Amino acid sequence: MNSLRSILIAEDSSADAEMATDALREARLANPIVHVEDGVEALDYLLCRGAFAGRSDGLPVVLLLDIKMPRMDGLEVLQRIRAEEELKRLPVVILSSSREESDLARSWDLGVNAYVVKPVDIDQFFNAVKMVGTFWALINQAPGVE
């Protein structure tokens, strides 16, 4: 079993998820990367239910969370995470194309750890994701999250 905690990407765009994964790999992070396509799958992964029942690799080191997703949007996911005792300290970074003030304000009100607007330029996108991944996977010190 890999002792490194995963990085969870909740992103409905397979192209954006693939670019984020490539950027994290380019940053030479050894953490396993898990991609889910919507908010329901993100919560299923975090709570070890549904398709992820029996998963025993602990909580991810960080959740990169898109806002605009089908079935359950990222803001509802964030609200539910902060309401769960075992998830409330999980680092969550919104990685979204939304520049709407209401999304930004609500994200911070709900306890997001960082809000990163996806750059349109691919090189800027890669650099932003590499910095986010490196910070949360290598630099940041979190309280004992399992």
N, C-alpha and C. Protein backbone atom coordinates (compact mmCIF):
# COMPACT_ATOMS: atom_id res chain seq x y z
N MET A 1 0.84 -1.18 0.00
CA MET A 1 0.00 0.00 0.00
C MET A 1 0.88 1.25 0.00
N ASN A 2 0.52 2.22 -0.79
CA ASN A 2 1.27 3.47 -0.89
C ASN A 2 1.03 4.30 0.36
N SER A 3 2.10 4.77 1.01
CA SER A 3 1.94 5.54 2.24
C SER A 3 1.64 7.01 1.97
N LEU A 4 1.84 7.47 0.73
CA LEU A 4 1.52 8.84 0.38
C LEU A 4 0.01 8.99 0.22
N ARG A 5 -0.52 10.06 0.77
CA ARG A 5 -1.94 10.32 0.62
C ARG A 5 -2.22 10.86 -0.77
N SER A 6 -3.39 10.55 -1.27
CA SER A 6 -3.76 10.92 -2.63
C SER A 6 -4.09 12.41 -2.75
N ILE A 7 -4.14 12.85 -3.98
CA ILE A 7 -4.68 14.16 -4.34
C ILE A 7 -5.97 13.86 -5.08
N LEU A 8 -7.08 14.39 -4.60
CA LEU A 8 -8.38 14.14 -5.22
C LEU A 8 -8.74 15.32 -6.10
N ILE A 9 -9.06 15.04 -7.36
CA ILE A 9 -9.50 16.07 -8.30
C ILE A 9 -10.97 15.80 -8.62
N ALA A 10 -11.84 16.75 -8.27
CA ALA A 10 -13.26 16.66 -8.61
C ALA A 10 -13.51 17.65 -9.74
N GLU A 11 -13.62 17.13 -10.95
CA GLU A 11 -13.67 17.96 -12.15
C GLU A 11 -14.47 17.24 -13.23
N ASP A 12 -15.51 17.89 -13.75
CA ASP A 12 -16.34 17.24 -14.76
C ASP A 12 -15.73 17.31 -16.16
N SER A 13 -14.81 18.20 -16.40
CA SER A 13 -14.14 18.29 -17.70
C SER A 13 -12.96 17.34 -17.72
N SER A 14 -13.04 16.31 -18.56
CA SER A 14 -11.93 15.35 -18.62
C SER A 14 -10.66 16.02 -19.12
N ALA A 15 -10.78 17.01 -20.01
CA ALA A 15 -9.59 17.73 -20.50
C ALA A 15 -8.92 18.49 -19.37
N ASP A 16 -9.71 19.21 -18.54
CA ASP A 16 -9.13 19.95 -17.41
C ASP A 16 -8.53 19.00 -16.37
N ALA A 17 -9.20 17.88 -16.13
CA ALA A 17 -8.68 16.91 -15.17
C ALA A 17 -7.37 16.31 -15.66
N GLU A 18 -7.30 16.04 -16.95
CA GLU A 18 -6.07 15.48 -17.52
C GLU A 18 -4.93 16.50 -17.45
N MET A 19 -5.24 17.77 -17.75
CA MET A 19 -4.20 18.81 -17.66
C MET A 19 -3.73 18.98 -16.21
N ALA A 20 -4.67 18.94 -15.25
CA ALA A 20 -4.28 19.07 -13.84
C ALA A 20 -3.41 17.90 -13.42
N THR A 21 -3.78 16.70 -13.84
CA THR A 21 -2.99 15.52 -13.52
C THR A 21 -1.59 15.63 -14.13
N ASP A 22 -1.52 16.05 -15.39
CA ASP A 22 -0.21 16.23 -16.04
C ASP A 22 0.63 17.27 -15.31
N ALA A 23 0.01 18.35 -14.88
CA ALA A 23 0.75 19.40 -14.16
C ALA A 23 1.28 18.87 -12.82
N LEU A 24 0.46 18.10 -12.12
CA LEU A 24 0.91 17.54 -10.84
C LEU A 24 2.06 16.56 -11.07
N ARG A 25 1.98 15.78 -12.12
CA ARG A 25 3.08 14.85 -12.45
C ARG A 25 4.34 15.62 -12.83
N GLU A 26 4.16 16.72 -13.58
CA GLU A 26 5.30 17.54 -13.98
C GLU A 26 5.98 18.16 -12.76
N ALA A 27 5.20 18.37 -11.70
CA ALA A 27 5.76 18.90 -10.45
C ALA A 27 6.48 17.80 -9.67
N ARG A 28 6.49 16.61 -10.22
CA ARG A 28 7.17 15.45 -9.63
C ARG A 28 6.60 15.05 -8.29
N LEU A 29 5.29 15.22 -8.12
CA LEU A 29 4.64 14.76 -6.91
C LEU A 29 4.38 13.27 -7.04
N ALA A 30 4.74 12.52 -6.03
CA ALA A 30 4.58 11.06 -6.07
C ALA A 30 3.20 10.63 -5.58
N ASN A 31 2.41 11.55 -5.06
CA ASN A 31 1.10 11.21 -4.52
C ASN A 31 0.22 10.59 -5.61
N PRO A 32 -0.54 9.55 -5.25
CA PRO A 32 -1.52 9.03 -6.20
C PRO A 32 -2.55 10.12 -6.49
N ILE A 33 -3.03 10.16 -7.72
CA ILE A 33 -4.03 11.15 -8.11
C ILE A 33 -5.32 10.41 -8.45
N VAL A 34 -6.40 10.84 -7.82
CA VAL A 34 -7.71 10.24 -8.06
C VAL A 34 -8.59 11.30 -8.69
N HIS A 35 -9.26 10.94 -9.78
CA HIS A 35 -10.16 11.87 -10.46
C HIS A 35 -11.59 11.36 -10.35
N VAL A 36 -12.48 12.24 -9.89
CA VAL A 36 -13.92 11.96 -9.90
C VAL A 36 -14.58 13.05 -10.73
N GLU A 37 -15.74 12.74 -11.31
CA GLU A 37 -16.33 13.63 -12.29
C GLU A 37 -17.43 14.55 -11.79
N ASP A 38 -17.84 14.39 -10.54
CA ASP A 38 -18.86 15.29 -10.01
C ASP A 38 -18.84 15.28 -8.49
N GLY A 39 -19.68 16.12 -7.91
CA GLY A 39 -19.71 16.26 -6.47
C GLY A 39 -20.17 15.03 -5.72
N VAL A 40 -21.11 14.30 -6.30
CA VAL A 40 -21.59 13.07 -5.65
C VAL A 40 -20.45 12.07 -5.54
N GLU A 41 -19.70 11.89 -6.62
CA GLU A 41 -18.56 10.98 -6.58
C GLU A 41 -17.49 11.46 -5.60
N ALA A 42 -17.29 12.76 -5.51
CA ALA A 42 -16.30 13.29 -4.56
C ALA A 42 -16.68 12.91 -3.13
N LEU A 43 -17.93 13.12 -2.77
CA LEU A 43 -18.37 12.76 -1.42
C LEU A 43 -18.33 11.25 -1.21
N ASP A 44 -18.70 10.48 -2.24
CA ASP A 44 -18.61 9.02 -2.12
C ASP A 44 -17.17 8.60 -1.84
N TYR A 45 -16.22 9.20 -2.54
CA TYR A 45 -14.81 8.87 -2.31
C TYR A 45 -14.40 9.24 -0.88
N LEU A 46 -14.72 10.46 -0.48
CA LEU A 46 -14.30 10.93 0.84
C LEU A 46 -14.94 10.15 1.98
N LEU A 47 -16.19 9.73 1.77
CA LEU A 47 -16.92 9.02 2.83
C LEU A 47 -16.87 7.50 2.64
N CYS A 48 -16.08 7.03 1.67
CA CYS A 48 -15.89 5.59 1.43
C CYS A 48 -17.21 4.86 1.24
N ARG A 49 -18.02 5.37 0.33
CA ARG A 49 -19.31 4.75 0.08
C ARG A 49 -19.50 4.57 -1.43
N GLY A 50 -20.58 3.89 -1.81
CA GLY A 50 -20.85 3.65 -3.22
C GLY A 50 -19.72 2.88 -3.87
N ALA A 51 -19.25 3.36 -5.02
CA ALA A 51 -18.16 2.70 -5.75
C ALA A 51 -16.87 2.68 -4.94
N PHE A 52 -16.77 3.51 -3.91
CA PHE A 52 -15.54 3.60 -3.11
C PHE A 52 -15.69 2.94 -1.74
N ALA A 53 -16.77 2.19 -1.54
CA ALA A 53 -16.95 1.47 -0.27
C ALA A 53 -15.79 0.50 -0.11
N GLY A 54 -15.24 0.45 1.08
CA GLY A 54 -14.12 -0.44 1.34
C GLY A 54 -12.76 0.18 1.06
N ARG A 55 -12.75 1.38 0.49
CA ARG A 55 -11.49 2.08 0.25
C ARG A 55 -10.84 2.34 1.61
N SER A 56 -9.54 2.06 1.70
CA SER A 56 -8.90 2.16 3.01
C SER A 56 -7.62 3.01 2.99
N ASP A 57 -7.48 3.87 1.97
CA ASP A 57 -6.24 4.64 1.87
C ASP A 57 -6.31 6.00 2.55
N GLY A 58 -7.31 6.24 3.38
CA GLY A 58 -7.39 7.48 4.14
C GLY A 58 -7.83 8.67 3.31
N LEU A 59 -7.86 9.81 3.95
CA LEU A 59 -8.27 11.04 3.26
C LEU A 59 -7.15 11.55 2.37
N PRO A 60 -7.53 12.23 1.29
CA PRO A 60 -6.50 12.82 0.44
C PRO A 60 -5.77 13.95 1.16
N VAL A 61 -4.61 14.30 0.65
CA VAL A 61 -3.83 15.41 1.20
C VAL A 61 -4.51 16.73 0.85
N VAL A 62 -5.22 16.77 -0.29
CA VAL A 62 -5.94 17.96 -0.72
C VAL A 62 -7.01 17.55 -1.73
N LEU A 63 -8.08 18.31 -1.77
CA LEU A 63 -9.13 18.16 -2.78
C LEU A 63 -9.09 19.38 -3.68
N LEU A 64 -8.85 19.16 -4.98
CA LEU A 64 -8.96 20.22 -5.98
C LEU A 64 -10.38 20.12 -6.53
N LEU A 65 -11.17 21.15 -6.28
CA LEU A 65 -12.62 21.08 -6.48
C LEU A 65 -13.10 22.12 -7.47
N ASP A 66 -13.75 21.65 -8.54
CA ASP A 66 -14.39 22.55 -9.48
C ASP A 66 -15.73 22.97 -8.89
N ILE A 67 -16.25 24.11 -9.30
CA ILE A 67 -17.56 24.55 -8.81
C ILE A 67 -18.68 24.05 -9.69
N LYS A 68 -18.58 24.29 -10.98
CA LYS A 68 -19.67 23.97 -11.91
C LYS A 68 -19.57 22.52 -12.35
N MET A 69 -20.29 21.64 -11.64
CA MET A 69 -20.30 20.21 -11.95
C MET A 69 -21.74 19.69 -11.95
N PRO A 70 -21.98 18.61 -12.68
CA PRO A 70 -23.33 18.02 -12.68
C PRO A 70 -23.61 17.29 -11.36
N ARG A 71 -24.85 16.97 -11.15
CA ARG A 71 -25.39 16.23 -10.00
C ARG A 71 -25.25 16.99 -8.68
N MET A 72 -24.07 17.48 -8.35
CA MET A 72 -23.86 18.28 -7.15
C MET A 72 -22.69 19.21 -7.41
N ASP A 73 -22.92 20.51 -7.25
CA ASP A 73 -21.84 21.45 -7.55
C ASP A 73 -20.82 21.51 -6.41
N GLY A 74 -19.70 22.12 -6.71
CA GLY A 74 -18.60 22.17 -5.77
C GLY A 74 -18.90 22.90 -4.48
N LEU A 75 -19.75 23.91 -4.53
CA LEU A 75 -20.07 24.65 -3.31
C LEU A 75 -20.89 23.79 -2.35
N GLU A 76 -21.78 22.97 -2.90
CA GLU A 76 -22.53 22.06 -2.02
C GLU A 76 -21.61 20.99 -1.44
N VAL A 77 -20.66 20.51 -2.25
CA VAL A 77 -19.67 19.55 -1.75
C VAL A 77 -18.89 20.18 -0.60
N LEU A 78 -18.42 21.39 -0.80
CA LEU A 78 -17.65 22.09 0.24
C LEU A 78 -18.48 22.24 1.52
N GLN A 79 -19.74 22.63 1.37
CA GLN A 79 -20.62 22.78 2.54
C GLN A 79 -20.76 21.46 3.29
N ARG A 80 -20.94 20.38 2.56
CA ARG A 80 -21.10 19.07 3.21
C ARG A 80 -19.80 18.59 3.86
N ILE A 81 -18.67 18.88 3.21
CA ILE A 81 -17.37 18.51 3.79
C ILE A 81 -17.18 19.21 5.13
N ARG A 82 -17.46 20.50 5.17
CA ARG A 82 -17.24 21.27 6.40
C ARG A 82 -18.22 20.88 7.51
N ALA A 83 -19.32 20.23 7.15
CA ALA A 83 -20.31 19.78 8.15
C ALA A 83 -19.96 18.41 8.73
N GLU A 84 -19.05 17.68 8.09
CA GLU A 84 -18.67 16.33 8.54
C GLU A 84 -17.46 16.42 9.46
N GLU A 85 -17.59 15.89 10.65
CA GLU A 85 -16.52 15.95 11.64
C GLU A 85 -15.21 15.39 11.08
N GLU A 86 -15.28 14.25 10.41
CA GLU A 86 -14.05 13.61 9.93
C GLU A 86 -13.46 14.28 8.68
N LEU A 87 -14.21 15.21 8.07
CA LEU A 87 -13.73 15.87 6.85
C LEU A 87 -13.47 17.36 7.02
N LYS A 88 -13.90 17.94 8.12
CA LYS A 88 -13.92 19.41 8.22
C LYS A 88 -12.55 20.07 8.11
N ARG A 89 -11.47 19.34 8.38
CA ARG A 89 -10.13 19.92 8.26
C ARG A 89 -9.44 19.57 6.95
N LEU A 90 -10.12 18.83 6.08
CA LEU A 90 -9.54 18.46 4.79
C LEU A 90 -9.25 19.73 3.98
N PRO A 91 -8.02 19.92 3.52
CA PRO A 91 -7.74 21.09 2.68
C PRO A 91 -8.49 21.00 1.35
N VAL A 92 -9.21 22.06 1.04
CA VAL A 92 -9.99 22.13 -0.20
C VAL A 92 -9.56 23.38 -0.96
N VAL A 93 -9.18 23.18 -2.21
CA VAL A 93 -8.81 24.27 -3.09
C VAL A 93 -9.81 24.29 -4.24
N ILE A 94 -10.55 25.39 -4.34
CA ILE A 94 -11.43 25.56 -5.50
C ILE A 94 -10.53 25.87 -6.70
N LEU A 95 -10.70 25.10 -7.75
CA LEU A 95 -9.98 25.30 -9.00
C LEU A 95 -11.06 25.42 -10.07
N SER A 96 -11.44 26.67 -10.36
CA SER A 96 -12.62 26.91 -11.18
C SER A 96 -12.37 28.02 -12.19
N SER A 97 -13.13 27.98 -13.25
CA SER A 97 -13.07 29.07 -14.24
C SER A 97 -13.97 30.24 -13.82
N SER A 98 -14.75 30.05 -12.75
CA SER A 98 -15.67 31.08 -12.31
C SER A 98 -14.95 32.24 -11.64
N ARG A 99 -15.21 33.42 -12.15
CA ARG A 99 -14.70 34.65 -11.53
C ARG A 99 -15.85 35.41 -10.86
N GLU A 100 -17.00 34.75 -10.73
CA GLU A 100 -18.16 35.41 -10.15
C GLU A 100 -17.92 35.71 -8.68
N GLU A 101 -18.16 36.96 -8.30
CA GLU A 101 -17.96 37.39 -6.92
C GLU A 101 -18.76 36.52 -5.95
N SER A 102 -19.98 36.13 -6.34
CA SER A 102 -20.82 35.32 -5.45
C SER A 102 -20.18 33.95 -5.20
N ASP A 103 -19.57 33.34 -6.22
CA ASP A 103 -18.90 32.04 -6.03
C ASP A 103 -17.69 32.20 -5.11
N LEU A 104 -16.93 33.25 -5.34
CA LEU A 104 -15.74 33.51 -4.53
C LEU A 104 -16.13 33.74 -3.07
N ALA A 105 -17.09 34.62 -2.83
CA ALA A 105 -17.51 34.93 -1.46
C ALA A 105 -18.09 33.71 -0.76
N ARG A 106 -18.94 32.98 -1.47
CA ARG A 106 -19.56 31.80 -0.85
C ARG A 106 -18.51 30.74 -0.53
N SER A 107 -17.53 30.57 -1.42
CA SER A 107 -16.46 29.60 -1.17
C SER A 107 -15.73 29.92 0.14
N TRP A 108 -15.36 31.18 0.29
CA TRP A 108 -14.66 31.58 1.53
C TRP A 108 -15.57 31.46 2.74
N ASP A 109 -16.84 31.83 2.59
CA ASP A 109 -17.79 31.69 3.69
C ASP A 109 -17.93 30.24 4.13
N LEU A 110 -17.82 29.31 3.19
CA LEU A 110 -17.97 27.89 3.49
C LEU A 110 -16.68 27.24 3.98
N GLY A 111 -15.59 28.00 3.99
CA GLY A 111 -14.35 27.49 4.57
C GLY A 111 -13.34 26.91 3.59
N VAL A 112 -13.35 27.40 2.34
CA VAL A 112 -12.34 26.94 1.39
C VAL A 112 -10.96 27.39 1.87
N ASN A 113 -9.94 26.61 1.55
CA ASN A 113 -8.58 26.97 1.93
C ASN A 113 -7.89 27.86 0.90
N ALA A 114 -8.33 27.77 -0.35
CA ALA A 114 -7.79 28.62 -1.42
C ALA A 114 -8.75 28.59 -2.59
N TYR A 115 -8.74 29.66 -3.36
CA TYR A 115 -9.60 29.77 -4.55
C TYR A 115 -8.70 30.19 -5.70
N VAL A 116 -8.55 29.31 -6.68
CA VAL A 116 -7.68 29.56 -7.82
C VAL A 116 -8.53 29.59 -9.08
N VAL A 117 -8.49 30.70 -9.80
CA VAL A 117 -9.21 30.80 -11.07
C VAL A 117 -8.34 30.13 -12.12
N LYS A 118 -8.95 29.18 -12.85
CA LYS A 118 -8.21 28.47 -13.89
C LYS A 118 -7.78 29.45 -14.97
N PRO A 119 -6.49 29.58 -15.16
CA PRO A 119 -6.03 30.44 -16.26
C PRO A 119 -6.43 29.83 -17.60
N VAL A 120 -6.72 30.68 -18.57
CA VAL A 120 -7.06 30.22 -19.91
C VAL A 120 -5.82 29.71 -20.62
N ASP A 121 -4.70 30.38 -20.41
CA ASP A 121 -3.44 29.99 -21.02
C ASP A 121 -2.96 28.67 -20.42
N ILE A 122 -2.64 27.70 -21.27
CA ILE A 122 -2.26 26.37 -20.79
C ILE A 122 -1.00 26.38 -19.92
N ASP A 123 -0.01 27.19 -20.27
CA ASP A 123 1.21 27.26 -19.46
C ASP A 123 0.91 27.84 -18.07
N GLN A 124 0.08 28.87 -18.02
CA GLN A 124 -0.30 29.45 -16.72
C GLN A 124 -1.11 28.44 -15.91
N PHE A 125 -1.99 27.69 -16.59
CA PHE A 125 -2.77 26.65 -15.90
C PHE A 125 -1.84 25.62 -15.28
N PHE A 126 -0.87 25.12 -16.06
CA PHE A 126 0.09 24.15 -15.56
C PHE A 126 0.83 24.70 -14.35
N ASN A 127 1.33 25.92 -14.46
CA ASN A 127 2.08 26.51 -13.35
C ASN A 127 1.22 26.68 -12.11
N ALA A 128 -0.03 27.10 -12.27
CA ALA A 128 -0.92 27.28 -11.12
C ALA A 128 -1.17 25.94 -10.42
N VAL A 129 -1.46 24.90 -11.18
CA VAL A 129 -1.73 23.59 -10.58
C VAL A 129 -0.47 23.02 -9.93
N LYS A 130 0.69 23.20 -10.56
CA LYS A 130 1.93 22.72 -9.96
C LYS A 130 2.19 23.41 -8.63
N MET A 131 1.97 24.72 -8.56
CA MET A 131 2.18 25.44 -7.30
C MET A 131 1.20 24.97 -6.24
N VAL A 132 -0.06 24.82 -6.60
CA VAL A 132 -1.08 24.36 -5.64
C VAL A 132 -0.71 22.96 -5.14
N GLY A 133 -0.41 22.06 -6.06
CA GLY A 133 -0.07 20.69 -5.66
C GLY A 133 1.16 20.63 -4.79
N THR A 134 2.19 21.35 -5.15
CA THR A 134 3.42 21.35 -4.37
C THR A 134 3.18 21.89 -2.97
N PHE A 135 2.44 22.98 -2.88
CA PHE A 135 2.16 23.55 -1.56
C PHE A 135 1.42 22.55 -0.67
N TRP A 136 0.30 22.01 -1.17
CA TRP A 136 -0.53 21.16 -0.31
C TRP A 136 0.06 19.78 -0.08
N ALA A 137 0.80 19.25 -1.04
CA ALA A 137 1.35 17.90 -0.88
C ALA A 137 2.70 17.89 -0.16
N LEU A 138 3.47 18.97 -0.29
CA LEU A 138 4.83 18.94 0.26
C LEU A 138 5.11 19.97 1.35
N ILE A 139 4.58 21.17 1.20
CA ILE A 139 4.98 22.27 2.08
C ILE A 139 4.04 22.42 3.28
N ASN A 140 2.74 22.41 3.04
CA ASN A 140 1.77 22.67 4.08
C ASN A 140 1.82 21.60 5.19
N GLN A 141 1.71 22.05 6.42
CA GLN A 141 1.62 21.15 7.56
C GLN A 141 0.20 21.22 8.12
N ALA A 142 -0.51 20.12 8.03
CA ALA A 142 -1.89 20.07 8.51
C ALA A 142 -1.95 19.30 9.82
N PRO A 143 -2.98 19.57 10.62
CA PRO A 143 -3.15 18.75 11.83
C PRO A 143 -3.43 17.32 11.42
N GLY A 144 -3.25 16.40 12.34
CA GLY A 144 -3.40 14.96 12.06
C GLY A 144 -4.67 14.60 11.32
N VAL A 145 -4.61 14.58 10.01
CA VAL A 145 -5.72 14.14 9.18
C VAL A 145 -5.37 12.74 8.69
N GLU A 146 -6.28 11.81 8.87
CA GLU A 146 -6.00 10.43 8.45
C GLU A 146 -6.54 10.16 7.08
